[in-house]
PDB file of all heavy atoms in Angstrom:
ATOM      1  N   PRO A   1       9.047  -2.092  -3.181  1.00  0.00           N
ATOM      2  CA  PRO A   1       7.937  -1.273  -3.690  1.00  0.00           C
ATOM      3  C   PRO A   1       6.702  -2.087  -4.054  1.00  0.00           C
ATOM      4  O   PRO A   1       5.585  -1.562  -4.023  1.00  0.00           O
ATOM      5  CB  PRO A   1       8.544  -0.597  -4.934  1.00  0.00           C
ATOM      6  CG  PRO A   1       9.712  -1.452  -5.304  1.00  0.00           C
ATOM      7  CD  PRO A   1      10.243  -1.998  -4.022  1.00  0.00           C
ATOM      8  N   ASP A   2       6.905  -3.382  -4.356  1.00  0.00           N
ATOM      9  CA  ASP A   2       5.758  -4.216  -4.722  1.00  0.00           C
ATOM     10  C   ASP A   2       4.916  -4.600  -3.513  1.00  0.00           C
ATOM     11  O   ASP A   2       3.877  -5.249  -3.665  1.00  0.00           O
ATOM     12  CB  ASP A   2       6.226  -5.480  -5.465  1.00  0.00           C
ATOM     13  CG  ASP A   2       7.348  -6.207  -4.743  1.00  0.00           C
ATOM     14  OD1 ASP A   2       8.065  -5.551  -3.960  1.00  0.00           O
ATOM     15  OD2 ASP A   2       7.517  -7.414  -4.975  1.00  0.00           O
ATOM     16  N   TRP A   3       5.336  -4.214  -2.320  1.00  0.00           N
ATOM     17  CA  TRP A   3       4.520  -4.449  -1.117  1.00  0.00           C
ATOM     18  C   TRP A   3       3.477  -3.343  -0.924  1.00  0.00           C
ATOM     19  O   TRP A   3       2.726  -3.364   0.051  1.00  0.00           O
ATOM     20  CB  TRP A   3       5.401  -4.530   0.123  1.00  0.00           C
ATOM     21  CG  TRP A   3       6.241  -5.794   0.190  1.00  0.00           C
ATOM     22  CD1 TRP A   3       6.269  -6.807  -0.723  1.00  0.00           C
ATOM     23  CD2 TRP A   3       7.168  -6.152   1.213  1.00  0.00           C
ATOM     24  NE1 TRP A   3       7.153  -7.784  -0.333  1.00  0.00           N
ATOM     25  CE2 TRP A   3       7.723  -7.411   0.863  1.00  0.00           C
ATOM     26  CE3 TRP A   3       7.586  -5.547   2.392  1.00  0.00           C
ATOM     27  CZ2 TRP A   3       8.677  -8.058   1.657  1.00  0.00           C
ATOM     28  CZ3 TRP A   3       8.538  -6.184   3.183  1.00  0.00           C
ATOM     29  CH2 TRP A   3       9.074  -7.435   2.810  1.00  0.00           C
ATOM     30  N   PHE A   4       3.427  -2.391  -1.839  1.00  0.00           N
ATOM     31  CA  PHE A   4       2.514  -1.256  -1.712  1.00  0.00           C
ATOM     32  C   PHE A   4       1.732  -1.085  -3.015  1.00  0.00           C
ATOM     33  O   PHE A   4       2.092  -1.641  -4.058  1.00  0.00           O
ATOM     34  CB  PHE A   4       3.294   0.023  -1.375  1.00  0.00           C
ATOM     35  CG  PHE A   4       4.104  -0.101  -0.116  1.00  0.00           C
ATOM     36  CD1 PHE A   4       5.413  -0.571  -0.158  1.00  0.00           C
ATOM     37  CD2 PHE A   4       3.559   0.196   1.120  1.00  0.00           C
ATOM     38  CE1 PHE A   4       6.163  -0.723   1.003  1.00  0.00           C
ATOM     39  CE2 PHE A   4       4.295   0.052   2.278  1.00  0.00           C
ATOM     40  CZ  PHE A   4       5.605  -0.413   2.222  1.00  0.00           C
ATOM     41  N   LYS A   5       0.651  -0.328  -2.941  1.00  0.00           N
ATOM     42  CA  LYS A   5      -0.167  -0.070  -4.121  1.00  0.00           C
ATOM     43  C   LYS A   5       0.256   1.256  -4.742  1.00  0.00           C
ATOM     44  O   LYS A   5       0.360   2.276  -4.051  1.00  0.00           O
ATOM     45  CB  LYS A   5      -1.654  -0.030  -3.745  1.00  0.00           C
ATOM     46  CG  LYS A   5      -2.225  -1.389  -3.377  1.00  0.00           C
ATOM     47  CD  LYS A   5      -3.721  -1.307  -3.111  1.00  0.00           C
ATOM     48  CE  LYS A   5      -4.289  -2.687  -2.792  1.00  0.00           C
ATOM     49  NZ  LYS A   5      -5.757  -2.636  -2.528  1.00  0.00           N
ATOM     50  N   TRP A   6       0.439   1.239  -6.056  1.00  0.00           N
ATOM     51  CA  TRP A   6       0.852   2.435  -6.783  1.00  0.00           C
ATOM     52  C   TRP A   6      -0.254   2.852  -7.744  1.00  0.00           C
ATOM     53  O   TRP A   6      -0.833   2.036  -8.436  1.00  0.00           O
ATOM     54  CB  TRP A   6       2.155   2.167  -7.539  1.00  0.00           C
ATOM     55  CG  TRP A   6       3.275   1.853  -6.585  1.00  0.00           C
ATOM     56  CD1 TRP A   6       3.588   0.639  -6.059  1.00  0.00           C
ATOM     57  CD2 TRP A   6       4.176   2.780  -6.009  1.00  0.00           C
ATOM     58  NE1 TRP A   6       4.642   0.746  -5.183  1.00  0.00           N
ATOM     59  CE2 TRP A   6       5.030   2.057  -5.132  1.00  0.00           C
ATOM     60  CE3 TRP A   6       4.368   4.162  -6.134  1.00  0.00           C
ATOM     61  CZ2 TRP A   6       6.041   2.664  -4.396  1.00  0.00           C
ATOM     62  CZ3 TRP A   6       5.387   4.770  -5.398  1.00  0.00           C
ATOM     63  CH2 TRP A   6       6.216   4.021  -4.544  1.00  0.00           C
ATOM     64  N   ARG A   7      -0.526   4.135  -7.757  1.00  0.00           N
ATOM     65  CA  ARG A   7      -1.614   4.666  -8.579  1.00  0.00           C
ATOM     66  C   ARG A   7      -1.113   5.003  -9.980  1.00  0.00           C
ATOM     67  O   ARG A   7       0.103   5.091 -10.216  1.00  0.00           O
ATOM     68  CB  ARG A   7      -2.202   5.897  -7.879  1.00  0.00           C
ATOM     69  CG  ARG A   7      -2.751   5.560  -6.495  1.00  0.00           C
ATOM     70  CD  ARG A   7      -3.484   6.713  -5.854  1.00  0.00           C
ATOM     71  NE  ARG A   7      -2.610   7.858  -5.550  1.00  0.00           N
ATOM     72  CZ  ARG A   7      -2.993   8.923  -4.861  1.00  0.00           C
ATOM     73  NH1 ARG A   7      -4.237   8.989  -4.392  1.00  0.00           N
ATOM     74  NH2 ARG A   7      -2.152   9.909  -4.624  1.00  0.00           N
ATOM     75  N   PRO A   8      -2.042   5.188 -10.920  1.00  0.00           N
ATOM     76  CA  PRO A   8      -1.632   5.453 -12.320  1.00  0.00           C
ATOM     77  C   PRO A   8      -0.723   6.662 -12.484  1.00  0.00           C
ATOM     78  O   PRO A   8       0.063   6.720 -13.433  1.00  0.00           O
ATOM     79  CB  PRO A   8      -2.959   5.665 -13.042  1.00  0.00           C
ATOM     80  CG  PRO A   8      -3.951   4.890 -12.238  1.00  0.00           C
ATOM     81  CD  PRO A   8      -3.500   5.024 -10.813  1.00  0.00           C
ATOM     82  N   ASP A   9      -0.812   7.646 -11.559  1.00  0.00           N
ATOM     83  CA  ASP A   9       0.027   8.841 -11.699  1.00  0.00           C
ATOM     84  C   ASP A   9       1.415   8.652 -11.102  1.00  0.00           C
ATOM     85  O   ASP A   9       2.200   9.599 -11.016  1.00  0.00           O
ATOM     86  CB  ASP A   9      -0.660  10.055 -11.067  1.00  0.00           C
ATOM     87  CG  ASP A   9      -0.864   9.904  -9.568  1.00  0.00           C
ATOM     88  OD1 ASP A   9      -0.542   8.825  -9.025  1.00  0.00           O
ATOM     89  OD2 ASP A   9      -1.349  10.856  -8.926  1.00  0.00           O
ATOM     90  N   GLY A  10       1.718   7.411 -10.664  1.00  0.00           N
ATOM     91  CA  GLY A  10       3.045   7.123 -10.134  1.00  0.00           C
ATOM     92  C   GLY A  10       3.199   7.372  -8.652  1.00  0.00           C
ATOM     93  O   GLY A  10       4.276   7.162  -8.093  1.00  0.00           O
ATOM     94  N   THR A  11       2.136   7.823  -7.991  1.00  0.00           N
ATOM     95  CA  THR A  11       2.187   8.031  -6.543  1.00  0.00           C
ATOM     96  C   THR A  11       1.699   6.775  -5.827  1.00  0.00           C
ATOM     97  O   THR A  11       0.944   5.969  -6.381  1.00  0.00           O
ATOM     98  CB  THR A  11       1.322   9.235  -6.123  1.00  0.00           C
ATOM     99  OG1 THR A  11      -0.037   8.983  -6.510  1.00  0.00           O
ATOM    100  CG2 THR A  11       1.826  10.507  -6.792  1.00  0.00           C
ATOM    101  N   VAL A  12       2.118   6.650  -4.590  1.00  0.00           N
ATOM    102  CA  VAL A  12       1.749   5.481  -3.805  1.00  0.00           C
ATOM    103  C   VAL A  12       0.424   5.748  -3.090  1.00  0.00           C
ATOM    104  O   VAL A  12       0.135   6.886  -2.678  1.00  0.00           O
ATOM    105  CB  VAL A  12       2.868   5.117  -2.805  1.00  0.00           C
ATOM    106  CG1 VAL A  12       3.045   6.208  -1.762  1.00  0.00           C
ATOM    107  CG2 VAL A  12       2.612   3.771  -2.150  1.00  0.00           C
ATOM    108  N   GLN A  13      -0.387   4.714  -2.956  1.00  0.00           N
ATOM    109  CA  GLN A  13      -1.701   4.848  -2.325  1.00  0.00           C
ATOM    110  C   GLN A  13      -1.549   4.968  -0.816  1.00  0.00           C
ATOM    111  O   GLN A  13      -0.999   4.086  -0.167  1.00  0.00           O
ATOM    112  CB  GLN A  13      -2.567   3.632  -2.650  1.00  0.00           C
ATOM    113  CG  GLN A  13      -3.936   3.635  -1.984  1.00  0.00           C
ATOM    114  CD  GLN A  13      -4.813   4.772  -2.482  1.00  0.00           C
ATOM    115  OE1 GLN A  13      -5.056   4.873  -3.666  1.00  0.00           O
ATOM    116  NE2 GLN A  13      -5.270   5.621  -1.579  1.00  0.00           N
ATOM    117  N   TYR A  14      -2.021   6.078  -0.248  1.00  0.00           N
ATOM    118  CA  TYR A  14      -1.999   6.227   1.206  1.00  0.00           C
ATOM    119  C   TYR A  14      -3.320   5.740   1.798  1.00  0.00           C
ATOM    120  O   TYR A  14      -4.276   5.409   1.082  1.00  0.00           O
ATOM    121  CB  TYR A  14      -1.711   7.675   1.610  1.00  0.00           C
ATOM    122  CG  TYR A  14      -2.645   8.716   1.020  1.00  0.00           C
ATOM    123  CD1 TYR A  14      -3.933   8.904   1.517  1.00  0.00           C
ATOM    124  CD2 TYR A  14      -2.231   9.532  -0.029  1.00  0.00           C
ATOM    125  CE1 TYR A  14      -4.778   9.854   0.985  1.00  0.00           C
ATOM    126  CE2 TYR A  14      -3.072  10.491  -0.577  1.00  0.00           C
ATOM    127  CZ  TYR A  14      -4.340  10.648  -0.066  1.00  0.00           C
ATOM    128  OH  TYR A  14      -5.185  11.588  -0.588  1.00  0.00           O
ATOM    129  N   ALA A  15      -3.378   5.667   3.105  1.00  0.00           N
ATOM    130  CA  ALA A  15      -4.561   5.143   3.787  1.00  0.00           C
ATOM    131  C   ALA A  15      -5.680   6.178   3.774  1.00  0.00           C
ATOM    132  O   ALA A  15      -5.442   7.382   3.907  1.00  0.00           O
ATOM    133  CB  ALA A  15      -4.212   4.764   5.224  1.00  0.00           C
ATOM    134  N   GLU A  16      -6.898   5.676   3.620  1.00  0.00           N
ATOM    135  CA  GLU A  16      -8.075   6.543   3.632  1.00  0.00           C
ATOM    136  C   GLU A  16      -9.214   5.856   4.371  1.00  0.00           C
ATOM    137  O   GLU A  16      -9.341   4.627   4.338  1.00  0.00           O
ATOM    138  CB  GLU A  16      -8.539   6.864   2.207  1.00  0.00           C
ATOM    139  CG  GLU A  16      -7.577   7.704   1.404  1.00  0.00           C
ATOM    140  CD  GLU A  16      -8.146   8.057   0.041  1.00  0.00           C
ATOM    141  OE1 GLU A  16      -8.866   9.075  -0.050  1.00  0.00           O
ATOM    142  OE2 GLU A  16      -7.882   7.308  -0.915  1.00  0.00           O
ATOM    143  N   ASN A  17     -10.008   6.653   5.019  1.00  0.00           N
ATOM    144  CA  ASN A  17     -11.270   6.210   5.605  1.00  0.00           C
ATOM    145  C   ASN A  17     -12.237   7.371   5.415  1.00  0.00           C
ATOM    146  O   ASN A  17     -12.500   8.129   6.348  1.00  0.00           O
ATOM    147  CB  ASN A  17     -11.099   5.863   7.080  1.00  0.00           C
ATOM    148  CG  ASN A  17     -12.379   5.306   7.700  1.00  0.00           C
ATOM    149  OD1 ASN A  17     -13.308   4.918   6.998  1.00  0.00           O
ATOM    150  ND2 ASN A  17     -12.438   5.293   9.029  1.00  0.00           N
ATOM    151  N   PRO A  18     -12.701   7.552   4.160  1.00  0.00           N
ATOM    152  CA  PRO A  18     -13.438   8.767   3.789  1.00  0.00           C
ATOM    153  C   PRO A  18     -14.474   9.168   4.838  1.00  0.00           C
ATOM    154  O   PRO A  18     -15.184   8.294   5.351  1.00  0.00           O
ATOM    155  CB  PRO A  18     -14.100   8.383   2.459  1.00  0.00           C
ATOM    156  CG  PRO A  18     -13.202   7.319   1.901  1.00  0.00           C
ATOM    157  CD  PRO A  18     -12.698   6.561   3.105  1.00  0.00           C
ATOM    158  N   PRO A  19     -14.499  10.469   5.190  1.00  0.00           N
ATOM    159  CA  PRO A  19     -13.749  11.564   4.558  1.00  0.00           C
ATOM    160  C   PRO A  19     -12.325  11.741   5.102  1.00  0.00           C
ATOM    161  O   PRO A  19     -11.619  12.643   4.676  1.00  0.00           O
ATOM    162  CB  PRO A  19     -14.602  12.789   4.906  1.00  0.00           C
ATOM    163  CG  PRO A  19     -15.186  12.445   6.247  1.00  0.00           C
ATOM    164  CD  PRO A  19     -15.461  10.964   6.201  1.00  0.00           C
ATOM    165  N   LYS A  20     -11.897  10.888   6.041  1.00  0.00           N
ATOM    166  CA  LYS A  20     -10.562  11.035   6.610  1.00  0.00           C
ATOM    167  C   LYS A  20      -9.509  10.560   5.617  1.00  0.00           C
ATOM    168  O   LYS A  20      -9.687   9.579   4.902  1.00  0.00           O
ATOM    169  CB  LYS A  20     -10.439  10.241   7.910  1.00  0.00           C
ATOM    170  CG  LYS A  20     -11.300  10.762   9.053  1.00  0.00           C
ATOM    171  CD  LYS A  20     -11.075   9.939  10.312  1.00  0.00           C
ATOM    172  CE  LYS A  20     -11.917  10.446  11.471  1.00  0.00           C
ATOM    173  NZ  LYS A  20     -11.708   9.641  12.707  1.00  0.00           N
ATOM    174  N   LYS A  21      -8.385  11.287   5.597  1.00  0.00           N
ATOM    175  CA  LYS A  21      -7.249  10.902   4.780  1.00  0.00           C
ATOM    176  C   LYS A  21      -6.015  10.836   5.668  1.00  0.00           C
ATOM    177  O   LYS A  21      -5.805  11.687   6.529  1.00  0.00           O
ATOM    178  CB  LYS A  21      -7.035  11.917   3.650  1.00  0.00           C
ATOM    179  CG  LYS A  21      -8.171  11.982   2.644  1.00  0.00           C
ATOM    180  CD  LYS A  21      -7.865  12.970   1.525  1.00  0.00           C
ATOM    181  CE  LYS A  21      -8.985  13.007   0.497  1.00  0.00           C
ATOM    182  NZ  LYS A  21      -8.666  13.931  -0.629  1.00  0.00           N
ATOM    183  N   TYR A  22      -5.198   9.811   5.429  1.00  0.00           N
ATOM    184  CA  TYR A  22      -3.989   9.608   6.219  1.00  0.00           C
ATOM    185  C   TYR A  22      -2.795   9.634   5.252  1.00  0.00           C
ATOM    186  O   TYR A  22      -2.198   8.602   4.941  1.00  0.00           O
ATOM    187  CB  TYR A  22      -4.050   8.289   6.974  1.00  0.00           C
ATOM    188  CG  TYR A  22      -5.264   8.159   7.881  1.00  0.00           C
ATOM    189  CD1 TYR A  22      -6.434   7.553   7.428  1.00  0.00           C
ATOM    190  CD2 TYR A  22      -5.240   8.649   9.178  1.00  0.00           C
ATOM    191  CE1 TYR A  22      -7.546   7.440   8.251  1.00  0.00           C
ATOM    192  CE2 TYR A  22      -6.345   8.546  10.010  1.00  0.00           C
ATOM    193  CZ  TYR A  22      -7.498   7.939   9.535  1.00  0.00           C
ATOM    194  OH  TYR A  22      -8.591   7.837  10.356  1.00  0.00           O
ATOM    195  N   GLN A  23      -2.456  10.837   4.809  1.00  0.00           N
ATOM    196  CA  GLN A  23      -1.412  10.965   3.795  1.00  0.00           C
ATOM    197  C   GLN A  23      -0.053  10.496   4.295  1.00  0.00           C
ATOM    198  O   GLN A  23       0.841  10.186   3.497  1.00  0.00           O
ATOM    199  CB  GLN A  23      -1.304  12.429   3.331  1.00  0.00           C
ATOM    200  CG  GLN A  23      -2.541  12.929   2.619  1.00  0.00           C
ATOM    201  CD  GLN A  23      -3.554  13.582   3.563  1.00  0.00           C
ATOM    202  OE1 GLN A  23      -3.552  13.308   4.761  1.00  0.00           O
ATOM    203  NE2 GLN A  23      -4.411  14.443   3.015  1.00  0.00           N
ATOM    204  N   ASP A  24       0.112  10.445   5.615  1.00  0.00           N
ATOM    205  CA  ASP A  24       1.407  10.052   6.190  1.00  0.00           C
ATOM    206  C   ASP A  24       1.512   8.553   6.433  1.00  0.00           C
ATOM    207  O   ASP A  24       2.515   8.082   6.989  1.00  0.00           O
ATOM    208  CB  ASP A  24       1.639  10.797   7.509  1.00  0.00           C
ATOM    209  CG  ASP A  24       0.525  10.569   8.530  1.00  0.00           C
ATOM    210  OD1 ASP A  24      -0.601  10.199   8.122  1.00  0.00           O
ATOM    211  OD2 ASP A  24       0.776  10.757   9.731  1.00  0.00           O
ATOM    212  N   VAL A  25       0.496   7.778   6.019  1.00  0.00           N
ATOM    213  CA  VAL A  25       0.473   6.338   6.291  1.00  0.00           C
ATOM    214  C   VAL A  25       0.185   5.578   4.998  1.00  0.00           C
ATOM    215  O   VAL A  25      -0.786   5.869   4.289  1.00  0.00           O
ATOM    216  CB  VAL A  25      -0.598   5.991   7.352  1.00  0.00           C
ATOM    217  CG1 VAL A  25      -0.739   4.483   7.479  1.00  0.00           C
ATOM    218  CG2 VAL A  25      -0.228   6.599   8.700  1.00  0.00           C
ATOM    219  N   LEU A  26       1.002   4.583   4.714  1.00  0.00           N
ATOM    220  CA  LEU A  26       0.808   3.732   3.542  1.00  0.00           C
ATOM    221  C   LEU A  26       0.392   2.337   3.994  1.00  0.00           C
ATOM    222  O   LEU A  26       1.120   1.688   4.752  1.00  0.00           O
ATOM    223  CB  LEU A  26       2.106   3.620   2.730  1.00  0.00           C
ATOM    224  CG  LEU A  26       2.798   4.920   2.329  1.00  0.00           C
ATOM    225  CD1 LEU A  26       4.043   4.607   1.498  1.00  0.00           C
ATOM    226  CD2 LEU A  26       1.848   5.830   1.562  1.00  0.00           C
ATOM    227  N   PRO A  27      -0.769   1.856   3.542  1.00  0.00           N
ATOM    228  CA  PRO A  27      -1.146   0.482   3.864  1.00  0.00           C
ATOM    229  C   PRO A  27      -0.322  -0.502   3.039  1.00  0.00           C
ATOM    230  O   PRO A  27       0.113  -0.199   1.925  1.00  0.00           O
ATOM    231  CB  PRO A  27      -2.626   0.420   3.480  1.00  0.00           C
ATOM    232  CG  PRO A  27      -2.779   1.461   2.423  1.00  0.00           C
ATOM    233  CD  PRO A  27      -1.791   2.552   2.737  1.00  0.00           C
ATOM    234  N   VAL A  28      -0.116  -1.689   3.587  1.00  0.00           N
ATOM    235  CA  VAL A  28       0.630  -2.737   2.891  1.00  0.00           C
ATOM    236  C   VAL A  28      -0.318  -3.480   1.959  1.00  0.00           C
ATOM    237  O   VAL A  28      -1.475  -3.750   2.293  1.00  0.00           O
ATOM    238  CB  VAL A  28       1.277  -3.699   3.910  1.00  0.00           C
ATOM    239  CG1 VAL A  28       1.841  -4.931   3.217  1.00  0.00           C
ATOM    240  CG2 VAL A  28       2.370  -2.974   4.689  1.00  0.00           C
ATOM    241  N   ASN A  29       0.178  -3.833   0.784  1.00  0.00           N
ATOM    242  CA  ASN A  29      -0.612  -4.558  -0.207  1.00  0.00           C
ATOM    243  C   ASN A  29      -0.434  -6.061  -0.005  1.00  0.00           C
ATOM    244  O   ASN A  29       0.575  -6.645  -0.418  1.00  0.00           O
ATOM    245  CB  ASN A  29      -0.169  -4.161  -1.618  1.00  0.00           C
ATOM    246  CG  ASN A  29      -0.885  -4.958  -2.693  1.00  0.00           C
ATOM    247  OD1 ASN A  29      -1.977  -5.493  -2.462  1.00  0.00           O
ATOM    248  ND2 ASN A  29      -0.271  -5.038  -3.865  1.00  0.00           N
ATOM    249  N   PHE A  30      -1.416  -6.692   0.608  1.00  0.00           N
ATOM    250  CA  PHE A  30      -1.317  -8.122   0.888  1.00  0.00           C
ATOM    251  C   PHE A  30      -1.615  -8.988  -0.333  1.00  0.00           C
ATOM    252  O   PHE A  30      -1.495 -10.205  -0.263  1.00  0.00           O
ATOM    253  CB  PHE A  30      -2.251  -8.497   2.043  1.00  0.00           C
ATOM    254  CG  PHE A  30      -1.642  -8.264   3.390  1.00  0.00           C
ATOM    255  CD1 PHE A  30      -1.761  -7.033   4.010  1.00  0.00           C
ATOM    256  CD2 PHE A  30      -0.936  -9.262   4.035  1.00  0.00           C
ATOM    257  CE1 PHE A  30      -1.183  -6.804   5.250  1.00  0.00           C
ATOM    258  CE2 PHE A  30      -0.359  -9.045   5.272  1.00  0.00           C
ATOM    259  CZ  PHE A  30      -0.473  -7.806   5.886  1.00  0.00           C
ATOM    260  N   GLU A  31      -1.980  -8.359  -1.454  1.00  0.00           N
ATOM    261  CA  GLU A  31      -2.194  -9.121  -2.678  1.00  0.00           C
ATOM    262  C   GLU A  31      -0.960  -9.123  -3.570  1.00  0.00           C
ATOM    263  O   GLU A  31      -1.011  -9.549  -4.721  1.00  0.00           O
ATOM    264  CB  GLU A  31      -3.408  -8.569  -3.431  1.00  0.00           C
ATOM    265  CG  GLU A  31      -4.713  -8.791  -2.676  1.00  0.00           C
ATOM    266  CD  GLU A  31      -5.926  -8.327  -3.456  1.00  0.00           C
ATOM    267  OE1 GLU A  31      -5.755  -7.608  -4.467  1.00  0.00           O
ATOM    268  OE2 GLU A  31      -7.049  -8.683  -3.061  1.00  0.00           O
ATOM    269  N   THR A  32       0.147  -8.674  -3.021  1.00  0.00           N
ATOM    270  CA  THR A  32       1.384  -8.700  -3.781  1.00  0.00           C
ATOM    271  C   THR A  32       1.783 -10.128  -4.131  1.00  0.00           C
ATOM    272  O   THR A  32       1.544 -11.067  -3.363  1.00  0.00           O
ATOM    273  CB  THR A  32       2.525  -8.032  -2.982  1.00  0.00           C
ATOM    274  OG1 THR A  32       3.751  -8.195  -3.702  1.00  0.00           O
ATOM    275  CG2 THR A  32       2.689  -8.677  -1.615  1.00  0.00           C
ATOM    276  N   GLU A  33       2.414 -10.295  -5.288  1.00  0.00           N
ATOM    277  CA  GLU A  33       2.898 -11.617  -5.669  1.00  0.00           C
ATOM    278  C   GLU A  33       4.027 -12.076  -4.753  1.00  0.00           C
ATOM    279  O   GLU A  33       4.322 -13.270  -4.670  1.00  0.00           O
ATOM    280  CB  GLU A  33       3.369 -11.599  -7.130  1.00  0.00           C
ATOM    281  CG  GLU A  33       2.237 -11.403  -8.133  1.00  0.00           C
ATOM    282  CD  GLU A  33       2.716 -11.471  -9.574  1.00  0.00           C
ATOM    283  OE1 GLU A  33       3.927 -11.725  -9.778  1.00  0.00           O
ATOM    284  OE2 GLU A  33       1.878 -11.281 -10.479  1.00  0.00           O
ATOM    285  N   ASP A  34       4.622 -11.146  -4.066  1.00  0.00           N
ATOM    286  CA  ASP A  34       5.714 -11.463  -3.133  1.00  0.00           C
ATOM    287  C   ASP A  34       5.181 -11.662  -1.713  1.00  0.00           C
ATOM    288  O   ASP A  34       5.872 -11.389  -0.739  1.00  0.00           O
ATOM    289  CB  ASP A  34       6.749 -10.327  -3.160  1.00  0.00           C
ATOM    290  CG  ASP A  34       8.056 -10.708  -2.479  1.00  0.00           C
ATOM    291  OD1 ASP A  34       8.440 -11.897  -2.533  1.00  0.00           O
ATOM    292  OD2 ASP A  34       8.682  -9.820  -1.871  1.00  0.00           O
ATOM    293  N   TRP A  35       3.966 -12.159  -1.601  1.00  0.00           N
ATOM    294  CA  TRP A  35       3.298 -12.227  -0.294  1.00  0.00           C
ATOM    295  C   TRP A  35       4.031 -13.126   0.699  1.00  0.00           C
ATOM    296  O   TRP A  35       4.005 -12.863   1.907  1.00  0.00           O
ATOM    297  CB  TRP A  35       1.850 -12.695  -0.464  1.00  0.00           C
ATOM    298  CG  TRP A  35       1.676 -14.090  -0.989  1.00  0.00           C
ATOM    299  CD1 TRP A  35       1.561 -14.458  -2.289  1.00  0.00           C
ATOM    300  CD2 TRP A  35       1.600 -15.291  -0.217  1.00  0.00           C
ATOM    301  NE1 TRP A  35       1.408 -15.822  -2.395  1.00  0.00           N
ATOM    302  CE2 TRP A  35       1.429 -16.358  -1.132  1.00  0.00           C
ATOM    303  CE3 TRP A  35       1.648 -15.582   1.141  1.00  0.00           C
ATOM    304  CZ2 TRP A  35       1.317 -17.682  -0.721  1.00  0.00           C
ATOM    305  CZ3 TRP A  35       1.542 -16.899   1.558  1.00  0.00           C
ATOM    306  CH2 TRP A  35       1.380 -17.942   0.630  1.00  0.00           C
ATOM    307  N   GLU A  36       4.690 -14.166   0.223  1.00  0.00           N
ATOM    308  CA  GLU A  36       5.365 -15.065   1.168  1.00  0.00           C
ATOM    309  C   GLU A  36       6.508 -14.359   1.887  1.00  0.00           C
ATOM    310  O   GLU A  36       6.674 -14.497   3.104  1.00  0.00           O
ATOM    311  CB  GLU A  36       5.870 -16.309   0.440  1.00  0.00           C
ATOM    312  CG  GLU A  36       4.752 -17.234  -0.028  1.00  0.00           C
ATOM    313  CD  GLU A  36       5.280 -18.469  -0.715  1.00  0.00           C
ATOM    314  OE1 GLU A  36       5.547 -19.466  -0.017  1.00  0.00           O
ATOM    315  OE2 GLU A  36       5.442 -18.437  -1.953  1.00  0.00           O
ATOM    316  N   ASN A  37       7.306 -13.599   1.137  1.00  0.00           N
ATOM    317  CA  ASN A  37       8.390 -12.838   1.772  1.00  0.00           C
ATOM    318  C   ASN A  37       7.834 -11.748   2.686  1.00  0.00           C
ATOM    319  O   ASN A  37       8.405 -11.458   3.743  1.00  0.00           O
ATOM    320  CB  ASN A  37       9.308 -12.226   0.709  1.00  0.00           C
ATOM    321  CG  ASN A  37      10.168 -13.274   0.034  1.00  0.00           C
ATOM    322  OD1 ASN A  37      10.616 -14.232   0.672  1.00  0.00           O
ATOM    323  ND2 ASN A  37      10.401 -13.108  -1.261  1.00  0.00           N
ATOM    324  N   LEU A  38       6.722 -11.134   2.267  1.00  0.00           N
ATOM    325  CA  LEU A  38       6.077 -10.132   3.106  1.00  0.00           C
ATOM    326  C   LEU A  38       5.651 -10.755   4.438  1.00  0.00           C
ATOM    327  O   LEU A  38       5.928 -10.193   5.512  1.00  0.00           O
ATOM    328  CB  LEU A  38       4.866  -9.546   2.378  1.00  0.00           C
ATOM    329  CG  LEU A  38       3.947  -8.647   3.208  1.00  0.00           C
ATOM    330  CD1 LEU A  38       4.687  -7.405   3.682  1.00  0.00           C
ATOM    331  CD2 LEU A  38       2.696  -8.272   2.411  1.00  0.00           C
ATOM    332  N   TRP A  39       4.987 -11.894   4.384  1.00  0.00           N
ATOM    333  CA  TRP A  39       4.538 -12.552   5.607  1.00  0.00           C
ATOM    334  C   TRP A  39       5.716 -12.873   6.521  1.00  0.00           C
ATOM    335  O   TRP A  39       5.660 -12.633   7.737  1.00  0.00           O
ATOM    336  CB  TRP A  39       3.797 -13.850   5.252  1.00  0.00           C
ATOM    337  CG  TRP A  39       2.406 -13.680   4.741  1.00  0.00           C
ATOM    338  CD1 TRP A  39       1.888 -12.587   4.108  1.00  0.00           C
ATOM    339  CD2 TRP A  39       1.358 -14.647   4.796  1.00  0.00           C
ATOM    340  NE1 TRP A  39       0.582 -12.815   3.755  1.00  0.00           N
ATOM    341  CE2 TRP A  39       0.228 -14.068   4.169  1.00  0.00           C
ATOM    342  CE3 TRP A  39       1.269 -15.937   5.295  1.00  0.00           C
ATOM    343  CZ2 TRP A  39      -0.980 -14.746   4.036  1.00  0.00           C
ATOM    344  CZ3 TRP A  39       0.073 -16.628   5.167  1.00  0.00           C
ATOM    345  CH2 TRP A  39      -1.046 -16.037   4.550  1.00  0.00           C
ATOM    346  N   GLN A  40       6.765 -13.419   5.959  1.00  0.00           N
ATOM    347  CA  GLN A  40       7.924 -13.795   6.770  1.00  0.00           C
ATOM    348  C   GLN A  40       8.563 -12.562   7.420  1.00  0.00           C
ATOM    349  O   GLN A  40       8.996 -12.604   8.573  1.00  0.00           O
ATOM    350  CB  GLN A  40       8.948 -14.540   5.914  1.00  0.00           C
ATOM    351  CG  GLN A  40       8.512 -15.924   5.472  1.00  0.00           C
ATOM    352  CD  GLN A  40       8.410 -16.923   6.619  1.00  0.00           C
ATOM    353  OE1 GLN A  40       8.859 -16.676   7.742  1.00  0.00           O
ATOM    354  NE2 GLN A  40       7.785 -18.061   6.341  1.00  0.00           N
ATOM    355  N   GLU A  41       8.613 -11.468   6.684  1.00  0.00           N
ATOM    356  CA  GLU A  41       9.194 -10.253   7.244  1.00  0.00           C
ATOM    357  C   GLU A  41       8.345  -9.714   8.389  1.00  0.00           C
ATOM    358  O   GLU A  41       8.870  -9.299   9.437  1.00  0.00           O
ATOM    359  CB  GLU A  41       9.342  -9.185   6.151  1.00  0.00           C
ATOM    360  CG  GLU A  41       9.840  -7.838   6.650  1.00  0.00           C
ATOM    361  CD  GLU A  41      11.225  -7.887   7.277  1.00  0.00           C
ATOM    362  OE1 GLU A  41      11.979  -8.848   7.033  1.00  0.00           O
ATOM    363  OE2 GLU A  41      11.560  -6.944   8.021  1.00  0.00           O
TER     364      GLU A  41
END
């Protein structure tokens, strides 16, 4: 779960390109502290 961005309301941040919304797609959070494992995966 730390590979993704979570909003204050407990929902995960989906992809957006306003005004377009991509509720079915979650971008990966490359600023995660677990970035090394993310990169390797």
